[in-house]
Amino acid sequence: MLVGMGAGEIALPISVIQNRELIVTGIFRYANTWPTAIDLVSRGLVDLDSLVTGHFDLDQVEAALRSTTQPGVLKSIVTPNPTAR
């Protein structure tokens, strides 16, 4: 997880990311929210899976982006390899 505003460019260990099948995500949000969110999830008070309301294949990226403007859609996920779901 890359949180906040960092340098414009950074070096990443691509071979490690690929070999371990890691997911690198960037986010820019408010300070000090992660400890609270992690605590809520770890205690089972938040079901993260229920927040994902749409699953899309890689060739459906445009539909996934458009879906986020629809009522009732919280989070749409694009999966490059649908067999990995």
PDB file of N, CA and C in Angstrom:
ATOM      1  N   MET A   1       0.850  -1.162   0.000  1.00  0.00           N
ATOM      2  CA  MET A   1       0.000   0.000   0.000  1.00  0.00           C
ATOM      3  C   MET A   1       0.898   1.227   0.000  1.00  0.00           C
ATOM      4  N   LEU A   2       0.688   2.077  -0.979  1.00  0.00           N
ATOM      5  CA  LEU A   2       1.407   3.351  -1.032  1.00  0.00           C
ATOM      6  C   LEU A   2       0.417   4.415  -0.569  1.00  0.00           C
ATOM      7  N   VAL A   3       0.661   4.996   0.590  1.00  0.00           N
ATOM      8  CA  VAL A   3      -0.287   5.923   1.201  1.00  0.00           C
ATOM      9  C   VAL A   3       0.244   7.335   1.134  1.00  0.00           C
ATOM     10  N   GLY A   4      -0.617   8.276   0.732  1.00  0.00           N
ATOM     11  CA  GLY A   4      -0.269   9.682   0.728  1.00  0.00           C
ATOM     12  C   GLY A   4       0.531  10.089  -0.497  1.00  0.00           C
ATOM     13  N   MET A   5       1.013  11.301  -0.459  1.00  0.00           N
ATOM     14  CA  MET A   5       1.782  11.840  -1.575  1.00  0.00           C
ATOM     15  C   MET A   5       3.261  11.628  -1.302  1.00  0.00           C
ATOM     16  N   GLY A   6       3.898  10.866  -2.163  1.00  0.00           N
ATOM     17  CA  GLY A   6       5.324  10.632  -2.040  1.00  0.00           C
ATOM     18  C   GLY A   6       6.043  11.329  -3.176  1.00  0.00           C
ATOM     19  N   ALA A   7       7.205  10.804  -3.480  1.00  0.00           N
ATOM     20  CA  ALA A   7       7.975  11.343  -4.600  1.00  0.00           C
ATOM     21  C   ALA A   7       7.225  11.087  -5.898  1.00  0.00           C
ATOM     22  N   GLY A   8       7.511  11.880  -6.907  1.00  0.00           N
ATOM     23  CA  GLY A   8       6.863  11.711  -8.208  1.00  0.00           C
ATOM     24  C   GLY A   8       7.153  10.371  -8.835  1.00  0.00           C
ATOM     25  N   GLU A   9       8.329   9.834  -8.576  1.00  0.00           N
ATOM     26  CA  GLU A   9       8.701   8.519  -9.096  1.00  0.00           C
ATOM     27  C   GLU A   9       9.532   7.794  -8.044  1.00  0.00           C
ATOM     28  N   ILE A  10       9.316   6.466  -7.950  1.00  0.00           N
ATOM     29  CA  ILE A  10      10.120   5.644  -7.053  1.00  0.00           C
ATOM     30  C   ILE A  10      10.477   4.340  -7.768  1.00  0.00           C
ATOM     31  N   ALA A  11      11.550   3.723  -7.337  1.00  0.00           N
ATOM     32  CA  ALA A  11      11.952   2.434  -7.898  1.00  0.00           C
ATOM     33  C   ALA A  11      11.218   1.329  -7.139  1.00  0.00           C
ATOM     34  N   LEU A  12      10.672   0.364  -7.869  1.00  0.00           N
ATOM     35  CA  LEU A  12      10.000  -0.770  -7.249  1.00  0.00           C
ATOM     36  C   LEU A  12      10.689  -2.068  -7.656  1.00  0.00           C
ATOM     37  N   PRO A  13      10.770  -3.025  -6.747  1.00  0.00           N
ATOM     38  CA  PRO A  13      11.391  -4.318  -7.071  1.00  0.00           C
ATOM     39  C   PRO A  13      10.407  -5.197  -7.855  1.00  0.00           C
ATOM     40  N   ILE A  14      10.313  -4.960  -9.143  1.00  0.00           N
ATOM     41  CA  ILE A  14       9.319  -5.621  -9.980  1.00  0.00           C
ATOM     42  C   ILE A  14       9.404  -7.151  -9.882  1.00  0.00           C
ATOM     43  N   SER A  15      10.600  -7.722  -9.870  1.00  0.00           N
ATOM     44  CA  SER A  15      10.708  -9.181  -9.802  1.00  0.00           C
ATOM     45  C   SER A  15      10.118  -9.724  -8.502  1.00  0.00           C
ATOM     46  N   VAL A  16      10.309  -9.019  -7.403  1.00  0.00           N
ATOM     47  CA  VAL A  16       9.730  -9.448  -6.123  1.00  0.00           C
ATOM     48  C   VAL A  16       8.206  -9.359  -6.188  1.00  0.00           C
ATOM     49  N   ILE A  17       7.693  -8.265  -6.733  1.00  0.00           N
ATOM     50  CA  ILE A  17       6.242  -8.084  -6.853  1.00  0.00           C
ATOM     51  C   ILE A  17       5.642  -9.200  -7.706  1.00  0.00           C
ATOM     52  N   GLN A  18       6.268  -9.511  -8.827  1.00  0.00           N
ATOM     53  CA  GLN A  18       5.751 -10.552  -9.711  1.00  0.00           C
ATOM     54  C   GLN A  18       5.895 -11.941  -9.101  1.00  0.00           C
ATOM     55  N   ASN A  19       7.066 -12.263  -8.582  1.00  0.00           N
ATOM     56  CA  ASN A  19       7.292 -13.602  -8.024  1.00  0.00           C
ATOM     57  C   ASN A  19       6.386 -13.915  -6.837  1.00  0.00           C
ATOM     58  N   ARG A  20       6.134 -12.928  -6.029  1.00  0.00           N
ATOM     59  CA  ARG A  20       5.269 -13.137  -4.855  1.00  0.00           C
ATOM     60  C   ARG A  20       3.808 -12.833  -5.149  1.00  0.00           C
ATOM     61  N   GLU A  21       3.520 -12.428  -6.387  1.00  0.00           N
ATOM     62  CA  GLU A  21       2.162 -12.080  -6.823  1.00  0.00           C
ATOM     63  C   GLU A  21       1.536 -11.048  -5.881  1.00  0.00           C
ATOM     64  N   LEU A  22       2.316 -10.004  -5.586  1.00  0.00           N
ATOM     65  CA  LEU A  22       1.862  -8.934  -4.706  1.00  0.00           C
ATOM     66  C   LEU A  22       0.982  -7.957  -5.468  1.00  0.00           C
ATOM     67  N   ILE A  23       0.159  -7.269  -4.742  1.00  0.00           N
ATOM     68  CA  ILE A  23      -0.681  -6.219  -5.311  1.00  0.00           C
ATOM     69  C   ILE A  23      -0.216  -4.900  -4.709  1.00  0.00           C
ATOM     70  N   VAL A  24       0.140  -3.958  -5.546  1.00  0.00           N
ATOM     71  CA  VAL A  24       0.583  -2.640  -5.101  1.00  0.00           C
ATOM     72  C   VAL A  24      -0.550  -1.659  -5.372  1.00  0.00           C
ATOM     73  N   THR A  25      -1.000  -1.001  -4.322  1.00  0.00           N
ATOM     74  CA  THR A  25      -2.114  -0.070  -4.437  1.00  0.00           C
ATOM     75  C   THR A  25      -1.707   1.279  -3.870  1.00  0.00           C
ATOM     76  N   GLY A  26      -2.077   2.330  -4.550  1.00  0.00           N
ATOM     77  CA  GLY A  26      -1.814   3.671  -4.048  1.00  0.00           C
ATOM     78  C   GLY A  26      -3.098   4.304  -3.550  1.00  0.00           C
ATOM     79  N   ILE A  27      -2.980   5.089  -2.498  1.00  0.00           N
ATOM     80  CA  ILE A  27      -4.157   5.757  -1.955  1.00  0.00           C
ATOM     81  C   ILE A  27      -3.727   7.095  -1.349  1.00  0.00           C
ATOM     82  N   PHE A  28      -4.576   8.072  -1.478  1.00  0.00           N
ATOM     83  CA  PHE A  28      -4.339   9.369  -0.854  1.00  0.00           C
ATOM     84  C   PHE A  28      -5.587   9.716  -0.063  1.00  0.00           C
ATOM     85  N   ARG A  29      -5.521   9.580   1.208  1.00  0.00           N
ATOM     86  CA  ARG A  29      -6.669   9.848   2.076  1.00  0.00           C
ATOM     87  C   ARG A  29      -6.220  10.614   3.309  1.00  0.00           C
ATOM     88  N   TYR A  30      -7.079  10.626   4.292  1.00  0.00           N
ATOM     89  CA  TYR A  30      -6.828  11.400   5.489  1.00  0.00           C
ATOM     90  C   TYR A  30      -5.863  10.694   6.439  1.00  0.00           C
ATOM     91  N   ALA A  31      -5.136  11.469   7.202  1.00  0.00           N
ATOM     92  CA  ALA A  31      -4.147  10.932   8.142  1.00  0.00           C
ATOM     93  C   ALA A  31      -4.828  10.173   9.281  1.00  0.00           C
ATOM     94  N   ASN A  32      -4.135   9.171   9.771  1.00  0.00           N
ATOM     95  CA  ASN A  32      -4.534   8.427  10.976  1.00  0.00           C
ATOM     96  C   ASN A  32      -5.830   7.630  10.847  1.00  0.00           C
ATOM     97  N   THR A  33      -6.257   7.313   9.624  1.00  0.00           N
ATOM     98  CA  THR A  33      -7.472   6.519   9.464  1.00  0.00           C
ATOM     99  C   THR A  33      -7.165   5.029   9.381  1.00  0.00           C
ATOM    100  N   TRP A  34      -5.957   4.670   8.989  1.00  0.00           N
ATOM    101  CA  TRP A  34      -5.625   3.256   8.815  1.00  0.00           C
ATOM    102  C   TRP A  34      -5.690   2.453  10.097  1.00  0.00           C
ATOM    103  N   PRO A  35      -5.130   2.910  11.217  1.00  0.00           N
ATOM    104  CA  PRO A  35      -5.208   2.092  12.442  1.00  0.00           C
ATOM    105  C   PRO A  35      -6.650   1.782  12.844  1.00  0.00           C
ATOM    106  N   THR A  36      -7.534   2.728  12.725  1.00  0.00           N
ATOM    107  CA  THR A  36      -8.934   2.501  13.071  1.00  0.00           C
ATOM    108  C   THR A  36      -9.563   1.499  12.115  1.00  0.00           C
ATOM    109  N   ALA A  37      -9.321   1.671  10.818  1.00  0.00           N
ATOM    110  CA  ALA A  37      -9.889   0.756   9.829  1.00  0.00           C
ATOM    111  C   ALA A  37      -9.361  -0.662  10.025  1.00  0.00           C
ATOM    112  N   ILE A  38      -8.076  -0.805  10.246  1.00  0.00           N
ATOM    113  CA  ILE A  38      -7.476  -2.130  10.450  1.00  0.00           C
ATOM    114  C   ILE A  38      -8.058  -2.789  11.698  1.00  0.00           C
ATOM    115  N   ASP A  39      -8.237  -2.029  12.747  1.00  0.00           N
ATOM    116  CA  ASP A  39      -8.816  -2.559  13.985  1.00  0.00           C
ATOM    117  C   ASP A  39     -10.240  -3.054  13.745  1.00  0.00           C
ATOM    118  N   LEU A  40     -11.050  -2.266  13.060  1.00  0.00           N
ATOM    119  CA  LEU A  40     -12.435  -2.659  12.797  1.00  0.00           C
ATOM    120  C   LEU A  40     -12.506  -3.942  11.974  1.00  0.00           C
ATOM    121  N   VAL A  41     -11.664  -4.041  10.949  1.00  0.00           N
ATOM    122  CA  VAL A  41     -11.645  -5.238  10.108  1.00  0.00           C
ATOM    123  C   VAL A  41     -11.138  -6.444  10.897  1.00  0.00           C
ATOM    124  N   SER A  42     -10.072  -6.259  11.665  1.00  0.00           N
ATOM    125  CA  SER A  42      -9.494  -7.390  12.409  1.00  0.00           C
ATOM    126  C   SER A  42     -10.449  -7.929  13.463  1.00  0.00           C
ATOM    127  N   ARG A  43     -11.331  -7.081  13.980  1.00  0.00           N
ATOM    128  CA  ARG A  43     -12.306  -7.537  14.967  1.00  0.00           C
ATOM    129  C   ARG A  43     -13.587  -8.057  14.320  1.00  0.00           C
ATOM    130  N   GLY A  44     -13.609  -8.100  12.996  1.00  0.00           N
ATOM    131  CA  GLY A  44     -14.773  -8.635  12.285  1.00  0.00           C
ATOM    132  C   GLY A  44     -15.962  -7.700  12.249  1.00  0.00           C
ATOM    133  N   LEU A  45     -15.737  -6.423  12.516  1.00  0.00           N
ATOM    134  CA  LEU A  45     -16.837  -5.460  12.536  1.00  0.00           C
ATOM    135  C   LEU A  45     -17.139  -4.872  11.163  1.00  0.00           C
ATOM    136  N   VAL A  46     -16.235  -5.084  10.215  1.00  0.00           N
ATOM    137  CA  VAL A  46     -16.437  -4.613   8.849  1.00  0.00           C
ATOM    138  C   VAL A  46     -16.151  -5.773   7.910  1.00  0.00           C
ATOM    139  N   ASP A  47     -17.100  -6.077   7.042  1.00  0.00           N
ATOM    140  CA  ASP A  47     -16.933  -7.135   6.048  1.00  0.00           C
ATOM    141  C   ASP A  47     -16.509  -6.482   4.741  1.00  0.00           C
ATOM    142  N   LEU A  48     -15.212  -6.547   4.441  1.00  0.00           N
ATOM    143  CA  LEU A  48     -14.695  -5.884   3.247  1.00  0.00           C
ATOM    144  C   LEU A  48     -15.261  -6.479   1.959  1.00  0.00           C
ATOM    145  N   ASP A  49     -15.486  -7.787   1.934  1.00  0.00           N
ATOM    146  CA  ASP A  49     -16.015  -8.420   0.727  1.00  0.00           C
ATOM    147  C   ASP A  49     -17.377  -7.853   0.342  1.00  0.00           C
ATOM    148  N   SER A  50     -18.181  -7.496   1.324  1.00  0.00           N
ATOM    149  CA  SER A  50     -19.516  -6.975   1.013  1.00  0.00           C
ATOM    150  C   SER A  50     -19.461  -5.569   0.410  1.00  0.00           C
ATOM    151  N   LEU A  51     -18.326  -4.887   0.552  1.00  0.00           N
ATOM    152  CA  LEU A  51     -18.187  -3.551  -0.026  1.00  0.00           C
ATOM    153  C   LEU A  51     -17.919  -3.597  -1.527  1.00  0.00           C
ATOM    154  N   VAL A  52     -17.464  -4.746  -2.025  1.00  0.00           N
ATOM    155  CA  VAL A  52     -17.213  -4.913  -3.462  1.00  0.00           C
ATOM    156  C   VAL A  52     -18.539  -5.284  -4.112  1.00  0.00           C
ATOM    157  N   THR A  53     -19.058  -4.371  -4.912  1.00  0.00           N
ATOM    158  CA  THR A  53     -20.368  -4.579  -5.521  1.00  0.00           C
ATOM    159  C   THR A  53     -20.297  -4.903  -7.003  1.00  0.00           C
ATOM    160  N   GLY A  54     -19.105  -4.897  -7.568  1.00  0.00           N
ATOM    161  CA  GLY A  54     -18.976  -5.234  -8.982  1.00  0.00           C
ATOM    162  C   GLY A  54     -17.646  -5.885  -9.289  1.00  0.00           C
ATOM    163  N   HIS A  55     -17.690  -6.948 -10.090  1.00  0.00           N
ATOM    164  CA  HIS A  55     -16.485  -7.641 -10.549  1.00  0.00           C
ATOM    165  C   HIS A  55     -16.441  -7.560 -12.071  1.00  0.00           C
ATOM    166  N   PHE A  56     -15.297  -7.148 -12.599  1.00  0.00           N
ATOM    167  CA  PHE A  56     -15.155  -6.972 -14.039  1.00  0.00           C
ATOM    168  C   PHE A  56     -13.863  -7.611 -14.520  1.00  0.00           C
ATOM    169  N   ASP A  57     -13.897  -8.138 -15.749  1.00  0.00           N
ATOM    170  CA  ASP A  57     -12.696  -8.651 -16.392  1.00  0.00           C
ATOM    171  C   ASP A  57     -11.912  -7.488 -16.971  1.00  0.00           C
ATOM    172  N   LEU A  58     -10.676  -7.735 -17.349  1.00  0.00           N
ATOM    173  CA  LEU A  58      -9.804  -6.679 -17.855  1.00  0.00           C
ATOM    174  C   LEU A  58     -10.382  -5.987 -19.087  1.00  0.00           C
ATOM    175  N   ASP A  59     -11.082  -6.718 -19.928  1.00  0.00           N
ATOM    176  CA  ASP A  59     -11.653  -6.094 -21.126  1.00  0.00           C
ATOM    177  C   ASP A  59     -12.921  -5.289 -20.831  1.00  0.00           C
ATOM    178  N   GLN A  60     -13.292  -5.189 -19.554  1.00  0.00           N
ATOM    179  CA  GLN A  60     -14.475  -4.431 -19.133  1.00  0.00           C
ATOM    180  C   GLN A  60     -14.112  -3.225 -18.263  1.00  0.00           C
ATOM    181  N   VAL A  61     -12.898  -2.728 -18.419  1.00  0.00           N
ATOM    182  CA  VAL A  61     -12.431  -1.617 -17.574  1.00  0.00           C
ATOM    183  C   VAL A  61     -13.345  -0.402 -17.696  1.00  0.00           C
ATOM    184  N   GLU A  62     -13.728  -0.046 -18.909  1.00  0.00           N
ATOM    185  CA  GLU A  62     -14.597   1.130 -19.083  1.00  0.00           C
ATOM    186  C   GLU A  62     -15.915   0.942 -18.334  1.00  0.00           C
ATOM    187  N   ALA A  63     -16.511  -0.231 -18.435  1.00  0.00           N
ATOM    188  CA  ALA A  63     -17.766  -0.506 -17.723  1.00  0.00           C
ATOM    189  C   ALA A  63     -17.557  -0.432 -16.214  1.00  0.00           C
ATOM    190  N   ALA A  64     -16.410  -0.908 -15.739  1.00  0.00           N
ATOM    191  CA  ALA A  64     -16.107  -0.850 -14.303  1.00  0.00           C
ATOM    192  C   ALA A  64     -16.019   0.595 -13.825  1.00  0.00           C
ATOM    193  N   LEU A  65     -15.326   1.428 -14.587  1.00  0.00           N
ATOM    194  CA  LEU A  65     -15.206   2.842 -14.209  1.00  0.00           C
ATOM    195  C   LEU A  65     -16.556   3.544 -14.246  1.00  0.00           C
ATOM    196  N   ARG A  66     -17.347   3.253 -15.247  1.00  0.00           N
ATOM    197  CA  ARG A  66     -18.678   3.870 -15.346  1.00  0.00           C
ATOM    198  C   ARG A  66     -19.613   3.379 -14.230  1.00  0.00           C
ATOM    199  N   SER A  67     -19.424   2.144 -13.794  1.00  0.00           N
ATOM    200  CA  SER A  67     -20.314   1.580 -12.776  1.00  0.00           C
ATOM    201  C   SER A  67     -20.239   2.343 -11.463  1.00  0.00           C
ATOM    202  N   THR A  68     -19.104   2.964 -11.188  1.00  0.00           N
ATOM    203  CA  THR A  68     -18.935   3.633  -9.899  1.00  0.00           C
ATOM    204  C   THR A  68     -19.799   4.888  -9.760  1.00  0.00           C
ATOM    205  N   THR A  69     -20.421   5.306 -10.839  1.00  0.00           N
ATOM    206  CA  THR A  69     -21.323   6.458 -10.758  1.00  0.00           C
ATOM    207  C   THR A  69     -22.773   6.033 -10.562  1.00  0.00           C
ATOM    208  N   GLN A  70     -23.024   4.742 -10.529  1.00  0.00           N
ATOM    209  CA  GLN A  70     -24.383   4.221 -10.400  1.00  0.00           C
ATOM    210  C   GLN A  70     -24.796   4.117  -8.932  1.00  0.00           C
ATOM    211  N   PRO A  71     -26.073   4.374  -8.648  1.00  0.00           N
ATOM    212  CA  PRO A  71     -26.555   4.226  -7.268  1.00  0.00           C
ATOM    213  C   PRO A  71     -26.353   2.794  -6.768  1.00  0.00           C
ATOM    214  N   GLY A  72     -25.936   2.662  -5.541  1.00  0.00           N
ATOM    215  CA  GLY A  72     -25.762   1.356  -4.929  1.00  0.00           C
ATOM    216  C   GLY A  72     -24.410   0.704  -5.170  1.00  0.00           C
ATOM    217  N   VAL A  73     -23.594   1.298  -6.039  1.00  0.00           N
ATOM    218  CA  VAL A  73     -22.272   0.738  -6.309  1.00  0.00           C
ATOM    219  C   VAL A  73     -21.282   1.359  -5.333  1.00  0.00           C
ATOM    220  N   LEU A  74     -20.596   0.510  -4.575  1.00  0.00           N
ATOM    221  CA  LEU A  74     -19.594   0.998  -3.630  1.00  0.00           C
ATOM    222  C   LEU A  74     -18.188   0.859  -4.183  1.00  0.00           C
ATOM    223  N   LYS A  75     -17.849  -0.347  -4.650  1.00  0.00           N
ATOM    224  CA  LYS A  75     -16.500  -0.608  -5.121  1.00  0.00           C
ATOM    225  C   LYS A  75     -16.565  -1.616  -6.252  1.00  0.00           C
ATOM    226  N   SER A  76     -15.979  -1.255  -7.376  1.00  0.00           N
ATOM    227  CA  SER A  76     -15.886  -2.169  -8.509  1.00  0.00           C
ATOM    228  C   SER A  76     -14.438  -2.623  -8.646  1.00  0.00           C
ATOM    229  N   ILE A  77     -14.259  -3.912  -8.880  1.00  0.00           N
ATOM    230  CA  ILE A  77     -12.935  -4.506  -8.972  1.00  0.00           C
ATOM    231  C   ILE A  77     -12.710  -5.031 -10.385  1.00  0.00           C
ATOM    232  N   VAL A  78     -11.559  -4.698 -10.967  1.00  0.00           N
ATOM    233  CA  VAL A  78     -11.160  -5.237 -12.260  1.00  0.00           C
ATOM    234  C   VAL A  78     -10.112  -6.302 -11.992  1.00  0.00           C
ATOM    235  N   THR A  79     -10.381  -7.509 -12.449  1.00  0.00           N
ATOM    236  CA  THR A  79      -9.463  -8.627 -12.253  1.00  0.00           C
ATOM    237  C   THR A  79      -8.829  -8.988 -13.598  1.00  0.00           C
ATOM    238  N   PRO A  80      -7.516  -8.756 -13.748  1.00  0.00           N
ATOM    239  CA  PRO A  80      -6.855  -9.073 -15.015  1.00  0.00           C
ATOM    240  C   PRO A  80      -6.933 -10.553 -15.373  1.00  0.00           C
ATOM    241  N   ASN A  81      -6.933 -11.419 -14.368  1.00  0.00           N
ATOM    242  CA  ASN A  81      -6.984 -12.857 -14.596  1.00  0.00           C
ATOM    243  C   ASN A  81      -8.215 -13.392 -13.869  1.00  0.00           C
ATOM    244  N   PRO A  82      -9.374 -13.465 -14.557  1.00  0.00           N
ATOM    245  CA  PRO A  82     -10.615 -13.847 -13.877  1.00  0.00           C
ATOM    246  C   PRO A  82     -10.586 -15.225 -13.231  1.00  0.00           C
ATOM    247  N   THR A  83      -9.696 -16.115 -13.665  1.00  0.00           N
ATOM    248  CA  THR A  83      -9.618 -17.430 -13.034  1.00  0.00           C
ATOM    249  C   THR A  83      -8.978 -17.360 -11.656  1.00  0.00           C
ATOM    250  N   ALA A  84      -8.376 -16.207 -11.327  1.00  0.00           N
ATOM    251  CA  ALA A  84      -7.728 -16.036 -10.022  1.00  0.00           C
ATOM    252  C   ALA A  84      -8.703 -15.599  -8.938  1.00  0.00           C
ATOM    253  N   ARG A  85      -9.954 -15.357  -9.288  1.00  0.00           N
ATOM    254  CA  ARG A  85     -10.927 -14.884  -8.293  1.00  0.00           C
ATOM    255  C   ARG A  85     -11.174 -15.898  -7.219  1.00  0.00           C
TER     256      ARG A  85
END
